[in-house]
């Protein structure tokens, strides 16, 4: 199967090389860096390491992901990927775990796989209290309202490309991950989780690293859960 990786990136020049370096060789066709308006050398470094760099000047995690999806959708049908992996550009995830992440899809057991930091090992400080509380609340609401069991809204995930297009993703910022899980639940998509490890990111988070970012992200996640009812 053809597997492509989409990585939204905003000013991650200190981390992006490590992410690309640790991608399992021979498994991934395209490593697509969706530069989200970086003012540092993120795009330059990614390109020098063989990544395909596309640009989305509109700031927003979802906006960058949607740009990557649009690029793949515009490819000829026979050139489109079978599976898309999403991973952050801050080196908090472990790219070498991609084979385990896509395994349930390759084995026909699921169409969507969420890498759960809750089920795996997270380094001290890598998940803030606000993140843990928000994850617990959001996944509880998803279970109660939509009947799907998740433990995390982690960004490290894999999905069949055809399924991804069926979801009709729209969110352009903080609601991206939860929107994907809710739309999958509403369409009764086969989904599962696997434990993944998580480490302290390189640099400061644009979301959980600030009080304002944490509040906005939390509000948007809860809003999205009820908006999609």
N, C-alpha and C. Protein backbone atom coordinates (compact mmCIF):
# COMPACT_ATOMS: atom_id res chain seq x y z
N UNK A 1 0.83 -1.20 0.00
CA UNK A 1 0.00 0.00 0.00
C UNK A 1 0.87 1.25 0.00
N UNK A 2 0.34 2.31 -0.60
CA UNK A 2 1.04 3.60 -0.60
C UNK A 2 0.68 4.35 0.67
N UNK A 3 1.69 4.75 1.43
CA UNK A 3 1.49 5.49 2.67
C UNK A 3 2.18 6.83 2.57
N UNK A 4 1.43 7.91 2.79
CA UNK A 4 1.98 9.25 2.82
C UNK A 4 1.81 9.84 4.21
N UNK A 5 2.68 10.75 4.58
CA UNK A 5 2.63 11.41 5.88
C UNK A 5 2.36 12.90 5.68
N UNK A 6 1.43 13.43 6.47
CA UNK A 6 1.15 14.86 6.47
C UNK A 6 1.57 15.43 7.82
N UNK A 7 2.39 16.48 7.77
CA UNK A 7 2.90 17.11 8.98
C UNK A 7 2.68 18.62 8.93
N UNK A 8 1.70 19.13 9.68
CA UNK A 8 1.54 20.58 9.76
C UNK A 8 2.70 21.16 10.57
N UNK A 9 3.27 22.26 10.10
CA UNK A 9 4.46 22.79 10.78
C UNK A 9 4.45 24.31 10.80
N UNK A 10 4.70 24.85 11.97
CA UNK A 10 4.81 26.30 12.14
C UNK A 10 6.04 26.60 13.00
N UNK A 11 7.06 27.13 12.36
CA UNK A 11 8.30 27.50 13.06
C UNK A 11 8.87 26.34 13.86
N UNK A 12 9.16 25.25 13.18
CA UNK A 12 9.70 24.05 13.83
C UNK A 12 11.08 23.70 13.28
N UNK A 13 11.91 24.72 13.03
CA UNK A 13 13.23 24.47 12.44
C UNK A 13 14.13 23.63 13.34
N UNK A 14 13.89 23.65 14.65
CA UNK A 14 14.74 22.89 15.57
C UNK A 14 14.32 21.42 15.67
N UNK A 15 13.11 21.10 15.20
CA UNK A 15 12.59 19.75 15.39
C UNK A 15 12.35 18.98 14.09
N UNK A 16 12.05 19.68 13.01
CA UNK A 16 11.57 19.00 11.81
C UNK A 16 12.58 18.00 11.24
N UNK A 17 13.86 18.29 11.34
CA UNK A 17 14.87 17.37 10.81
C UNK A 17 14.84 16.05 11.57
N UNK A 18 14.63 16.10 12.88
CA UNK A 18 14.58 14.87 13.68
C UNK A 18 13.38 14.02 13.32
N UNK A 19 12.25 14.67 13.06
CA UNK A 19 11.04 13.95 12.68
C UNK A 19 11.27 13.22 11.36
N UNK A 20 11.80 13.92 10.38
CA UNK A 20 12.03 13.32 9.06
C UNK A 20 13.07 12.21 9.15
N UNK A 21 14.11 12.44 9.92
CA UNK A 21 15.20 11.46 10.06
C UNK A 21 14.69 10.13 10.62
N UNK A 22 13.73 10.18 11.54
CA UNK A 22 13.27 8.97 12.22
C UNK A 22 12.12 8.24 11.50
N UNK A 23 11.69 8.75 10.36
CA UNK A 23 10.66 8.06 9.60
C UNK A 23 11.23 6.75 9.07
N UNK A 24 10.53 5.62 9.27
CA UNK A 24 11.06 4.34 8.79
C UNK A 24 11.33 4.36 7.29
N UNK A 25 12.51 4.01 6.91
CA UNK A 25 12.90 4.02 5.51
C UNK A 25 12.17 2.93 4.73
N UNK A 26 11.74 3.28 3.53
CA UNK A 26 11.10 2.31 2.66
C UNK A 26 9.62 2.12 2.90
N UNK A 27 9.08 2.75 3.95
CA UNK A 27 7.66 2.58 4.27
C UNK A 27 6.82 3.71 3.71
N UNK A 28 7.37 4.92 3.71
CA UNK A 28 6.62 6.12 3.34
C UNK A 28 6.99 6.59 1.95
N UNK A 29 5.97 6.95 1.15
CA UNK A 29 6.25 7.50 -0.17
C UNK A 29 6.58 9.00 -0.07
N UNK A 30 5.60 9.79 0.38
CA UNK A 30 5.80 11.23 0.50
C UNK A 30 5.72 11.65 1.96
N UNK A 31 6.68 12.44 2.40
CA UNK A 31 6.60 13.10 3.69
C UNK A 31 6.25 14.56 3.37
N UNK A 32 5.00 14.92 3.61
CA UNK A 32 4.50 16.23 3.20
C UNK A 32 4.48 17.19 4.39
N UNK A 33 5.29 18.21 4.31
CA UNK A 33 5.31 19.25 5.34
C UNK A 33 4.43 20.39 4.88
N UNK A 34 3.37 20.63 5.63
CA UNK A 34 2.46 21.74 5.31
C UNK A 34 2.89 22.95 6.12
N UNK A 35 3.71 23.77 5.52
CA UNK A 35 4.25 24.93 6.22
C UNK A 35 3.13 25.94 6.45
N UNK A 36 2.92 26.28 7.71
CA UNK A 36 1.76 27.09 8.10
C UNK A 36 2.13 28.55 8.34
N UNK A 37 2.99 29.07 7.49
CA UNK A 37 3.39 30.47 7.61
C UNK A 37 4.63 30.67 8.46
N UNK A 38 5.53 29.69 8.44
CA UNK A 38 6.75 29.79 9.25
C UNK A 38 7.61 30.97 8.81
N UNK A 39 8.26 31.59 9.79
CA UNK A 39 9.19 32.68 9.50
C UNK A 39 10.63 32.26 9.79
N UNK A 40 10.81 30.98 10.07
CA UNK A 40 12.16 30.47 10.29
C UNK A 40 12.54 29.54 9.13
N UNK A 41 13.47 28.61 9.35
CA UNK A 41 13.99 27.77 8.27
C UNK A 41 13.29 26.41 8.18
N UNK A 42 12.09 26.30 8.74
CA UNK A 42 11.37 25.02 8.72
C UNK A 42 11.27 24.45 7.31
N UNK A 43 10.75 25.23 6.38
CA UNK A 43 10.54 24.75 5.01
C UNK A 43 11.86 24.40 4.34
N UNK A 44 12.86 25.24 4.53
CA UNK A 44 14.16 25.02 3.91
C UNK A 44 14.79 23.71 4.39
N UNK A 45 14.75 23.49 5.70
CA UNK A 45 15.34 22.28 6.27
C UNK A 45 14.58 21.04 5.81
N UNK A 46 13.26 21.11 5.84
CA UNK A 46 12.44 19.97 5.43
C UNK A 46 12.72 19.61 3.97
N UNK A 47 12.79 20.61 3.13
CA UNK A 47 13.05 20.37 1.70
C UNK A 47 14.43 19.76 1.49
N UNK A 48 15.41 20.22 2.25
CA UNK A 48 16.78 19.72 2.10
C UNK A 48 16.88 18.25 2.50
N UNK A 49 15.93 17.78 3.31
CA UNK A 49 15.94 16.39 3.76
C UNK A 49 15.01 15.50 2.94
N UNK A 50 14.52 16.05 1.84
CA UNK A 50 13.73 15.24 0.92
C UNK A 50 12.24 15.31 1.10
N UNK A 51 11.78 16.16 2.01
CA UNK A 51 10.34 16.29 2.22
C UNK A 51 9.71 17.12 1.10
N UNK A 52 8.45 16.86 0.86
CA UNK A 52 7.67 17.66 -0.07
C UNK A 52 7.04 18.79 0.74
N UNK A 53 7.35 20.02 0.43
CA UNK A 53 6.87 21.16 1.20
C UNK A 53 5.80 21.91 0.42
N UNK A 54 4.64 22.08 1.05
CA UNK A 54 3.59 22.90 0.48
C UNK A 54 3.25 23.98 1.51
N UNK A 55 2.64 25.05 1.06
CA UNK A 55 2.44 26.20 1.94
C UNK A 55 0.96 26.52 2.15
N UNK A 56 0.60 26.76 3.40
CA UNK A 56 -0.73 27.23 3.78
C UNK A 56 -0.53 28.43 4.70
N UNK A 57 -0.59 29.64 4.14
CA UNK A 57 -0.33 30.84 4.95
C UNK A 57 -1.37 31.12 6.03
N UNK A 58 -2.59 30.59 5.86
CA UNK A 58 -3.60 30.79 6.89
C UNK A 58 -3.23 29.98 8.12
N UNK A 59 -3.00 30.66 9.24
CA UNK A 59 -2.61 29.96 10.46
C UNK A 59 -3.74 29.08 10.97
N UNK A 60 -3.39 27.87 11.38
CA UNK A 60 -4.38 26.95 11.91
C UNK A 60 -3.98 25.52 11.62
N UNK A 61 -3.99 24.68 12.66
CA UNK A 61 -3.61 23.28 12.52
C UNK A 61 -4.46 22.58 11.45
N UNK A 62 -5.76 22.78 11.54
CA UNK A 62 -6.65 22.16 10.58
C UNK A 62 -6.45 22.69 9.17
N UNK A 63 -6.19 23.99 9.06
CA UNK A 63 -5.96 24.58 7.74
C UNK A 63 -4.76 23.94 7.06
N UNK A 64 -3.70 23.71 7.82
CA UNK A 64 -2.51 23.07 7.26
C UNK A 64 -2.79 21.63 6.85
N UNK A 65 -3.51 20.89 7.69
CA UNK A 65 -3.85 19.51 7.35
C UNK A 65 -4.72 19.44 6.10
N UNK A 66 -5.69 20.34 6.01
CA UNK A 66 -6.58 20.36 4.85
C UNK A 66 -5.82 20.67 3.57
N UNK A 67 -4.78 21.50 3.68
CA UNK A 67 -3.95 21.80 2.51
C UNK A 67 -3.24 20.54 2.02
N UNK A 68 -2.74 19.74 2.96
CA UNK A 68 -2.09 18.50 2.59
C UNK A 68 -3.05 17.52 1.95
N UNK A 69 -4.25 17.44 2.50
CA UNK A 69 -5.27 16.55 1.93
C UNK A 69 -5.63 16.99 0.51
N UNK A 70 -5.78 18.30 0.33
CA UNK A 70 -6.14 18.83 -0.99
C UNK A 70 -5.06 18.48 -2.02
N UNK A 71 -3.81 18.56 -1.60
CA UNK A 71 -2.71 18.20 -2.52
C UNK A 71 -2.85 16.75 -2.97
N UNK A 72 -3.08 15.86 -2.03
CA UNK A 72 -3.19 14.43 -2.36
C UNK A 72 -4.44 14.15 -3.19
N UNK A 73 -5.51 14.85 -2.90
CA UNK A 73 -6.76 14.65 -3.63
C UNK A 73 -6.62 15.07 -5.08
N UNK A 74 -5.76 16.03 -5.34
CA UNK A 74 -5.57 16.53 -6.71
C UNK A 74 -4.67 15.61 -7.54
N UNK A 75 -4.06 14.64 -6.92
CA UNK A 75 -3.24 13.70 -7.68
C UNK A 75 -4.14 12.79 -8.51
N UNK A 76 -3.65 12.24 -9.61
CA UNK A 76 -4.43 11.25 -10.36
C UNK A 76 -4.85 10.11 -9.42
N UNK A 77 -5.99 9.53 -9.69
CA UNK A 77 -6.54 8.49 -8.81
C UNK A 77 -5.52 7.40 -8.52
N UNK A 78 -4.77 6.97 -9.55
CA UNK A 78 -3.83 5.87 -9.34
C UNK A 78 -2.57 6.31 -8.60
N UNK A 79 -2.44 7.60 -8.32
CA UNK A 79 -1.29 8.10 -7.58
C UNK A 79 -1.65 8.51 -6.15
N UNK A 80 -2.93 8.46 -5.83
CA UNK A 80 -3.36 8.82 -4.48
C UNK A 80 -2.96 7.73 -3.50
N UNK A 81 -2.69 8.10 -2.25
CA UNK A 81 -2.25 7.11 -1.27
C UNK A 81 -3.39 6.21 -0.80
N UNK A 82 -3.02 5.08 -0.25
CA UNK A 82 -4.00 4.20 0.40
C UNK A 82 -4.21 4.62 1.85
N UNK A 83 -3.13 5.06 2.48
CA UNK A 83 -3.16 5.44 3.89
C UNK A 83 -2.46 6.77 4.08
N UNK A 84 -3.01 7.60 4.95
CA UNK A 84 -2.36 8.86 5.33
C UNK A 84 -2.09 8.83 6.83
N UNK A 85 -0.88 9.19 7.19
CA UNK A 85 -0.49 9.31 8.59
C UNK A 85 -0.32 10.78 8.92
N UNK A 86 -0.87 11.19 10.05
CA UNK A 86 -0.68 12.55 10.55
C UNK A 86 0.25 12.50 11.76
N UNK A 87 1.25 13.35 11.76
CA UNK A 87 2.19 13.41 12.88
C UNK A 87 2.63 14.85 13.06
N UNK A 88 2.83 15.26 14.30
CA UNK A 88 3.25 16.64 14.56
C UNK A 88 4.72 16.84 14.20
N UNK A 89 5.07 18.10 13.99
CA UNK A 89 6.43 18.45 13.56
C UNK A 89 7.33 18.82 14.72
N UNK A 90 6.85 18.67 15.96
CA UNK A 90 7.63 19.13 17.13
C UNK A 90 8.47 18.03 17.77
N UNK A 91 8.46 16.85 17.19
CA UNK A 91 9.23 15.70 17.67
C UNK A 91 8.77 15.17 19.03
N UNK A 92 7.50 15.38 19.33
CA UNK A 92 6.93 14.82 20.57
C UNK A 92 6.46 13.38 20.34
N UNK A 93 6.11 13.06 19.11
CA UNK A 93 5.74 11.68 18.76
C UNK A 93 6.98 10.91 18.34
N UNK A 94 6.83 9.62 18.20
CA UNK A 94 7.94 8.76 17.78
C UNK A 94 7.65 8.26 16.36
N UNK A 95 8.25 8.88 15.34
CA UNK A 95 7.98 8.46 13.95
C UNK A 95 8.26 6.98 13.71
N UNK A 96 9.20 6.40 14.46
CA UNK A 96 9.53 4.99 14.26
C UNK A 96 8.39 4.06 14.66
N UNK A 97 7.34 4.60 15.28
CA UNK A 97 6.17 3.80 15.64
C UNK A 97 5.13 3.74 14.53
N UNK A 98 5.39 4.38 13.40
CA UNK A 98 4.43 4.38 12.29
C UNK A 98 4.06 2.97 11.84
N UNK A 99 5.01 2.02 11.75
CA UNK A 99 4.60 0.66 11.34
C UNK A 99 3.53 0.06 12.24
N UNK A 100 3.61 0.29 13.54
CA UNK A 100 2.58 -0.22 14.45
C UNK A 100 1.28 0.55 14.31
N UNK A 101 1.40 1.83 14.00
CA UNK A 101 0.20 2.66 13.84
C UNK A 101 -0.62 2.22 12.63
N UNK A 102 0.02 1.88 11.55
CA UNK A 102 -0.71 1.51 10.32
C UNK A 102 -1.06 0.02 10.27
N UNK A 103 -0.49 -0.77 11.18
CA UNK A 103 -0.70 -2.22 11.14
C UNK A 103 -2.18 -2.64 11.14
N UNK A 104 -3.03 -2.07 12.02
CA UNK A 104 -4.45 -2.46 12.01
C UNK A 104 -5.13 -2.21 10.67
N UNK A 105 -4.70 -1.15 9.96
CA UNK A 105 -5.27 -0.87 8.65
C UNK A 105 -4.77 -1.89 7.64
N UNK A 106 -3.48 -2.16 7.65
CA UNK A 106 -2.90 -3.12 6.72
C UNK A 106 -3.49 -4.51 6.91
N UNK A 107 -3.86 -4.82 8.15
CA UNK A 107 -4.43 -6.15 8.44
C UNK A 107 -5.95 -6.18 8.28
N UNK A 108 -6.53 -5.04 7.84
CA UNK A 108 -7.97 -5.00 7.59
C UNK A 108 -8.82 -4.96 8.85
N UNK A 109 -8.22 -4.55 9.96
CA UNK A 109 -8.94 -4.53 11.23
C UNK A 109 -9.56 -3.17 11.55
N UNK A 110 -9.15 -2.12 10.87
CA UNK A 110 -9.66 -0.78 11.14
C UNK A 110 -9.39 0.12 9.94
N UNK A 111 -10.16 1.21 9.86
CA UNK A 111 -9.93 2.22 8.83
C UNK A 111 -9.33 3.49 9.42
N UNK A 112 -9.42 3.62 10.74
CA UNK A 112 -8.86 4.77 11.45
C UNK A 112 -8.15 4.26 12.70
N UNK A 113 -6.92 4.69 12.90
CA UNK A 113 -6.15 4.29 14.08
C UNK A 113 -5.64 5.53 14.78
N UNK A 114 -5.99 5.66 16.05
CA UNK A 114 -5.52 6.78 16.86
C UNK A 114 -4.36 6.30 17.73
N UNK A 115 -3.27 7.03 17.72
CA UNK A 115 -2.17 6.74 18.62
C UNK A 115 -2.49 7.34 19.98
N UNK A 116 -2.73 6.49 20.96
CA UNK A 116 -3.14 6.98 22.29
C UNK A 116 -1.93 7.17 23.20
N UNK A 117 -1.71 8.41 23.61
CA UNK A 117 -0.66 8.72 24.57
C UNK A 117 -1.06 8.29 25.97
N UNK A 118 -2.37 8.18 26.18
CA UNK A 118 -2.89 7.75 27.48
C UNK A 118 -2.58 6.27 27.72
N UNK A 119 -2.71 5.47 26.67
CA UNK A 119 -2.44 4.04 26.78
C UNK A 119 -0.95 3.74 26.73
N UNK A 120 -0.17 4.66 26.15
CA UNK A 120 1.27 4.47 26.06
C UNK A 120 2.00 5.14 27.20
N UNK A 121 3.28 5.38 26.99
CA UNK A 121 4.11 6.01 28.01
C UNK A 121 4.42 7.44 27.61
N UNK A 122 3.96 8.37 28.44
CA UNK A 122 4.21 9.79 28.19
C UNK A 122 5.24 10.30 29.20
N UNK A 123 6.29 10.93 28.71
CA UNK A 123 7.30 11.48 29.60
C UNK A 123 6.70 12.52 30.54
N UNK A 124 7.29 12.63 31.72
CA UNK A 124 6.83 13.61 32.68
C UNK A 124 6.85 15.02 32.06
N UNK A 125 5.73 15.69 32.14
CA UNK A 125 5.64 17.05 31.63
C UNK A 125 5.24 17.16 30.17
N UNK A 126 5.22 16.04 29.45
CA UNK A 126 4.89 16.10 28.03
C UNK A 126 3.41 16.36 27.80
N UNK A 127 2.57 15.89 28.74
CA UNK A 127 1.14 16.18 28.71
C UNK A 127 0.79 17.00 29.95
N UNK A 128 0.30 18.19 29.74
CA UNK A 128 -0.05 19.04 30.88
C UNK A 128 -1.35 18.57 31.52
N UNK A 129 -1.61 19.08 32.71
CA UNK A 129 -2.85 18.74 33.40
C UNK A 129 -4.06 19.13 32.54
N UNK A 130 -3.97 20.32 31.93
CA UNK A 130 -5.07 20.79 31.08
C UNK A 130 -5.31 19.83 29.92
N UNK A 131 -4.24 19.35 29.30
CA UNK A 131 -4.37 18.40 28.20
C UNK A 131 -5.00 17.10 28.66
N UNK A 132 -4.54 16.58 29.79
CA UNK A 132 -5.08 15.32 30.30
C UNK A 132 -6.56 15.46 30.67
N UNK A 133 -6.90 16.57 31.32
CA UNK A 133 -8.28 16.79 31.70
C UNK A 133 -9.16 16.96 30.47
N UNK A 134 -8.68 17.76 29.52
CA UNK A 134 -9.44 17.97 28.29
C UNK A 134 -9.66 16.70 27.51
N UNK A 135 -8.62 15.86 27.41
CA UNK A 135 -8.75 14.57 26.73
C UNK A 135 -9.79 13.69 27.40
N UNK A 136 -9.72 13.63 28.74
CA UNK A 136 -10.64 12.77 29.49
C UNK A 136 -12.08 13.23 29.31
N UNK A 137 -12.29 14.54 29.39
CA UNK A 137 -13.65 15.08 29.23
C UNK A 137 -14.16 14.87 27.81
N UNK A 138 -13.33 15.19 26.83
CA UNK A 138 -13.76 15.08 25.44
C UNK A 138 -14.07 13.63 25.05
N UNK A 139 -13.21 12.71 25.45
CA UNK A 139 -13.45 11.30 25.08
C UNK A 139 -14.66 10.74 25.84
N UNK A 140 -14.90 11.22 27.05
CA UNK A 140 -16.10 10.80 27.78
C UNK A 140 -17.35 11.27 27.05
N UNK A 141 -17.34 12.51 26.59
CA UNK A 141 -18.50 13.05 25.87
C UNK A 141 -18.73 12.29 24.55
N UNK A 142 -17.64 11.97 23.86
CA UNK A 142 -17.77 11.21 22.61
C UNK A 142 -18.41 9.85 22.88
N UNK A 143 -17.99 9.22 23.97
CA UNK A 143 -18.56 7.91 24.30
C UNK A 143 -20.03 8.02 24.66
N UNK A 144 -20.38 9.03 25.46
CA UNK A 144 -21.76 9.18 25.90
C UNK A 144 -22.69 9.61 24.77
N UNK A 145 -22.20 10.50 23.91
CA UNK A 145 -23.05 11.06 22.86
C UNK A 145 -23.04 10.21 21.59
N UNK A 146 -21.85 9.73 21.20
CA UNK A 146 -21.72 9.07 19.91
C UNK A 146 -21.48 7.56 20.01
N UNK A 147 -21.23 7.07 21.23
CA UNK A 147 -21.09 5.64 21.42
C UNK A 147 -19.77 5.05 20.97
N UNK A 148 -18.73 5.88 20.81
CA UNK A 148 -17.41 5.39 20.42
C UNK A 148 -16.43 5.57 21.56
N UNK A 149 -15.63 4.55 21.79
CA UNK A 149 -14.68 4.57 22.90
C UNK A 149 -13.29 5.00 22.43
N UNK A 150 -12.86 6.17 22.87
CA UNK A 150 -11.49 6.63 22.66
C UNK A 150 -10.91 7.02 24.01
N UNK A 151 -9.59 7.04 24.09
CA UNK A 151 -8.93 7.50 25.31
C UNK A 151 -8.15 8.78 25.08
N UNK A 152 -7.99 9.19 23.82
CA UNK A 152 -7.11 10.32 23.52
C UNK A 152 -7.55 11.00 22.23
N UNK A 153 -7.20 12.27 22.13
CA UNK A 153 -7.40 13.02 20.89
C UNK A 153 -6.05 13.26 20.21
N UNK A 154 -5.11 12.39 20.49
CA UNK A 154 -3.75 12.58 19.99
C UNK A 154 -3.66 12.81 18.49
N UNK A 155 -2.75 13.68 18.08
CA UNK A 155 -2.61 14.03 16.65
C UNK A 155 -1.93 12.95 15.82
N UNK A 156 -1.23 12.02 16.46
CA UNK A 156 -0.52 10.94 15.76
C UNK A 156 -1.55 9.87 15.41
N UNK A 157 -1.88 9.76 14.11
CA UNK A 157 -2.98 8.89 13.69
C UNK A 157 -2.80 8.47 12.24
N UNK A 158 -3.48 7.40 11.87
CA UNK A 158 -3.45 6.90 10.50
C UNK A 158 -4.87 6.62 10.05
N UNK A 159 -5.13 6.82 8.78
CA UNK A 159 -6.48 6.62 8.25
C UNK A 159 -6.40 6.27 6.76
N UNK A 160 -7.30 5.40 6.32
CA UNK A 160 -7.40 5.13 4.88
C UNK A 160 -7.75 6.44 4.19
N UNK A 161 -7.10 6.71 3.06
CA UNK A 161 -7.33 7.98 2.38
C UNK A 161 -8.77 8.11 1.90
N UNK A 162 -9.34 7.03 1.36
CA UNK A 162 -10.73 7.08 0.91
C UNK A 162 -11.67 7.39 2.07
N UNK A 163 -11.38 6.83 3.23
CA UNK A 163 -12.19 7.11 4.43
C UNK A 163 -12.04 8.57 4.83
N UNK A 164 -10.82 9.07 4.77
CA UNK A 164 -10.56 10.47 5.12
C UNK A 164 -11.38 11.41 4.24
N UNK A 165 -11.46 11.12 2.96
CA UNK A 165 -12.25 11.96 2.06
C UNK A 165 -13.74 11.85 2.38
N UNK A 166 -14.18 10.67 2.76
CA UNK A 166 -15.59 10.46 3.12
C UNK A 166 -15.99 11.30 4.34
N UNK A 167 -15.05 11.53 5.24
CA UNK A 167 -15.36 12.27 6.46
C UNK A 167 -15.73 13.72 6.18
N UNK A 168 -15.20 14.29 5.11
CA UNK A 168 -15.52 15.68 4.78
C UNK A 168 -15.02 16.66 5.84
N UNK A 169 -13.77 16.53 6.22
CA UNK A 169 -13.18 17.37 7.26
C UNK A 169 -13.25 18.86 6.89
N UNK A 170 -13.54 19.69 7.90
CA UNK A 170 -13.69 21.12 7.65
C UNK A 170 -12.96 22.02 8.64
N UNK A 171 -12.77 21.55 9.86
CA UNK A 171 -12.21 22.44 10.89
C UNK A 171 -10.82 22.92 10.50
N UNK A 172 -10.55 24.19 10.74
CA UNK A 172 -9.31 24.78 10.30
C UNK A 172 -8.37 25.15 11.45
N UNK A 173 -8.74 24.77 12.67
CA UNK A 173 -7.80 25.06 13.76
C UNK A 173 -7.83 24.00 14.86
N UNK A 174 -8.23 24.38 16.07
CA UNK A 174 -8.07 23.51 17.23
C UNK A 174 -9.00 22.30 17.25
N UNK A 175 -10.07 22.33 16.48
CA UNK A 175 -11.05 21.24 16.54
C UNK A 175 -10.76 20.09 15.59
N UNK A 176 -9.65 20.14 14.91
CA UNK A 176 -9.35 19.17 13.85
C UNK A 176 -9.38 17.72 14.32
N UNK A 177 -8.64 17.41 15.38
CA UNK A 177 -8.53 16.00 15.79
C UNK A 177 -9.86 15.45 16.28
N UNK A 178 -10.55 16.22 17.11
CA UNK A 178 -11.82 15.72 17.64
C UNK A 178 -12.88 15.64 16.54
N UNK A 179 -12.81 16.54 15.57
CA UNK A 179 -13.76 16.47 14.45
C UNK A 179 -13.60 15.15 13.70
N UNK A 180 -12.37 14.73 13.47
CA UNK A 180 -12.15 13.49 12.74
C UNK A 180 -12.75 12.31 13.49
N UNK A 181 -12.57 12.28 14.80
CA UNK A 181 -13.08 11.17 15.59
C UNK A 181 -14.61 11.17 15.67
N UNK A 182 -15.19 12.35 15.76
CA UNK A 182 -16.66 12.43 15.80
C UNK A 182 -17.26 12.04 14.46
N UNK A 183 -16.70 12.55 13.38
CA UNK A 183 -17.24 12.20 12.06
C UNK A 183 -17.10 10.71 11.80
N UNK A 184 -16.01 10.12 12.26
CA UNK A 184 -15.84 8.67 12.12
C UNK A 184 -16.91 7.93 12.91
N UNK A 185 -17.21 8.41 14.12
CA UNK A 185 -18.24 7.78 14.94
C UNK A 185 -19.61 7.88 14.28
N UNK A 186 -19.91 9.05 13.74
CA UNK A 186 -21.22 9.25 13.12
C UNK A 186 -21.41 8.38 11.88
N UNK A 187 -20.31 8.12 11.16
CA UNK A 187 -20.39 7.30 9.96
C UNK A 187 -20.13 5.82 10.25
N UNK A 188 -19.95 5.51 11.54
CA UNK A 188 -19.70 4.12 11.96
C UNK A 188 -18.45 3.55 11.30
N UNK A 189 -17.44 4.39 11.17
CA UNK A 189 -16.16 3.95 10.63
C UNK A 189 -15.47 3.03 11.64
N UNK A 190 -14.86 2.00 11.14
CA UNK A 190 -14.12 1.09 12.01
C UNK A 190 -12.87 1.80 12.54
N UNK A 191 -12.81 1.99 13.86
CA UNK A 191 -11.71 2.73 14.46
C UNK A 191 -11.14 1.98 15.65
N UNK A 192 -9.87 2.17 15.89
CA UNK A 192 -9.22 1.55 17.04
C UNK A 192 -8.11 2.47 17.53
N UNK A 193 -7.53 2.13 18.67
CA UNK A 193 -6.40 2.86 19.23
C UNK A 193 -5.25 1.89 19.48
N UNK A 194 -4.04 2.41 19.41
CA UNK A 194 -2.88 1.64 19.85
C UNK A 194 -2.08 2.53 20.80
N UNK A 195 -1.38 1.95 21.76
CA UNK A 195 -0.55 2.77 22.65
C UNK A 195 0.64 3.34 21.89
N UNK A 196 0.90 4.62 22.09
CA UNK A 196 2.10 5.23 21.52
C UNK A 196 2.83 5.99 22.63
N UNK A 197 4.11 6.13 22.46
CA UNK A 197 4.91 6.87 23.43
C UNK A 197 4.93 8.35 23.08
N UNK A 198 5.24 9.16 24.06
CA UNK A 198 5.16 10.61 23.87
C UNK A 198 6.25 11.26 24.71
N UNK A 199 6.93 12.22 24.12
CA UNK A 199 8.02 12.89 24.84
C UNK A 199 7.83 14.41 24.80
N UNK A 200 8.58 15.10 25.62
CA UNK A 200 8.51 16.56 25.63
C UNK A 200 8.95 17.10 24.27
N UNK A 201 8.14 17.96 23.75
CA UNK A 201 8.40 18.51 22.43
C UNK A 201 9.64 19.39 22.43
N UNK A 202 10.18 19.62 21.25
CA UNK A 202 11.27 20.58 21.08
C UNK A 202 10.64 21.95 20.88
N UNK A 203 11.00 22.90 21.72
CA UNK A 203 10.42 24.23 21.63
C UNK A 203 9.13 24.34 22.42
N UNK A 204 8.50 25.48 22.32
CA UNK A 204 7.28 25.77 23.08
C UNK A 204 6.04 25.55 22.23
N UNK A 205 5.04 24.89 22.82
CA UNK A 205 3.79 24.62 22.11
C UNK A 205 3.04 25.91 21.83
N UNK A 206 2.46 25.99 20.62
CA UNK A 206 1.64 27.16 20.27
C UNK A 206 0.27 27.09 20.94
N UNK A 207 -0.10 25.89 21.43
CA UNK A 207 -1.43 25.70 22.04
C UNK A 207 -1.31 25.52 23.54
N UNK A 208 -0.81 24.36 23.97
CA UNK A 208 -0.74 24.09 25.40
C UNK A 208 0.34 24.88 26.11
N UNK A 209 1.22 25.53 25.33
CA UNK A 209 2.30 26.31 25.94
C UNK A 209 1.86 27.66 26.46
N UNK A 210 0.62 28.06 26.18
CA UNK A 210 0.11 29.34 26.67
C UNK A 210 -1.27 29.15 27.29
N UNK A 211 -1.60 30.00 28.25
CA UNK A 211 -2.92 29.92 28.89
C UNK A 211 -4.01 30.20 27.86
N UNK A 212 -3.80 31.25 27.04
CA UNK A 212 -4.78 31.59 26.03
C UNK A 212 -5.00 30.45 25.05
N UNK A 213 -3.89 29.84 24.60
CA UNK A 213 -4.00 28.75 23.65
C UNK A 213 -4.74 27.56 24.23
N UNK A 214 -4.47 27.24 25.49
CA UNK A 214 -5.14 26.11 26.14
C UNK A 214 -6.64 26.35 26.27
N UNK A 215 -7.01 27.58 26.65
CA UNK A 215 -8.43 27.92 26.80
C UNK A 215 -9.15 27.87 25.47
N UNK A 216 -8.54 28.44 24.45
CA UNK A 216 -9.16 28.45 23.12
C UNK A 216 -9.31 27.03 22.56
N UNK A 217 -8.27 26.22 22.75
CA UNK A 217 -8.32 24.85 22.25
C UNK A 217 -9.40 24.05 22.98
N UNK A 218 -9.46 24.22 24.31
CA UNK A 218 -10.47 23.50 25.09
C UNK A 218 -11.88 23.89 24.69
N UNK A 219 -12.09 25.18 24.51
CA UNK A 219 -13.41 25.67 24.10
C UNK A 219 -13.79 25.11 22.73
N UNK A 220 -12.84 25.14 21.79
CA UNK A 220 -13.14 24.69 20.43
C UNK A 220 -13.43 23.19 20.40
N UNK A 221 -12.72 22.42 21.19
CA UNK A 221 -12.95 20.97 21.22
C UNK A 221 -14.35 20.66 21.72
N UNK A 222 -14.74 21.27 22.84
CA UNK A 222 -16.08 21.04 23.40
C UNK A 222 -17.15 21.55 22.44
N UNK A 223 -16.91 22.71 21.86
CA UNK A 223 -17.86 23.29 20.89
C UNK A 223 -18.07 22.35 19.71
N UNK A 224 -16.96 21.78 19.20
CA UNK A 224 -17.05 20.89 18.05
C UNK A 224 -17.84 19.62 18.38
N UNK A 225 -17.66 19.09 19.57
CA UNK A 225 -18.38 17.88 19.97
C UNK A 225 -19.89 18.08 19.87
N UNK A 226 -20.37 19.24 20.33
CA UNK A 226 -21.80 19.48 20.31
C UNK A 226 -22.28 20.05 18.97
N UNK A 227 -21.41 20.75 18.29
CA UNK A 227 -21.77 21.32 16.99
C UNK A 227 -22.11 20.24 15.98
N UNK A 228 -21.42 19.10 16.05
CA UNK A 228 -21.59 18.05 15.06
C UNK A 228 -22.73 17.08 15.39
N UNK A 229 -23.47 17.34 16.44
CA UNK A 229 -24.61 16.49 16.80
C UNK A 229 -25.63 16.43 15.65
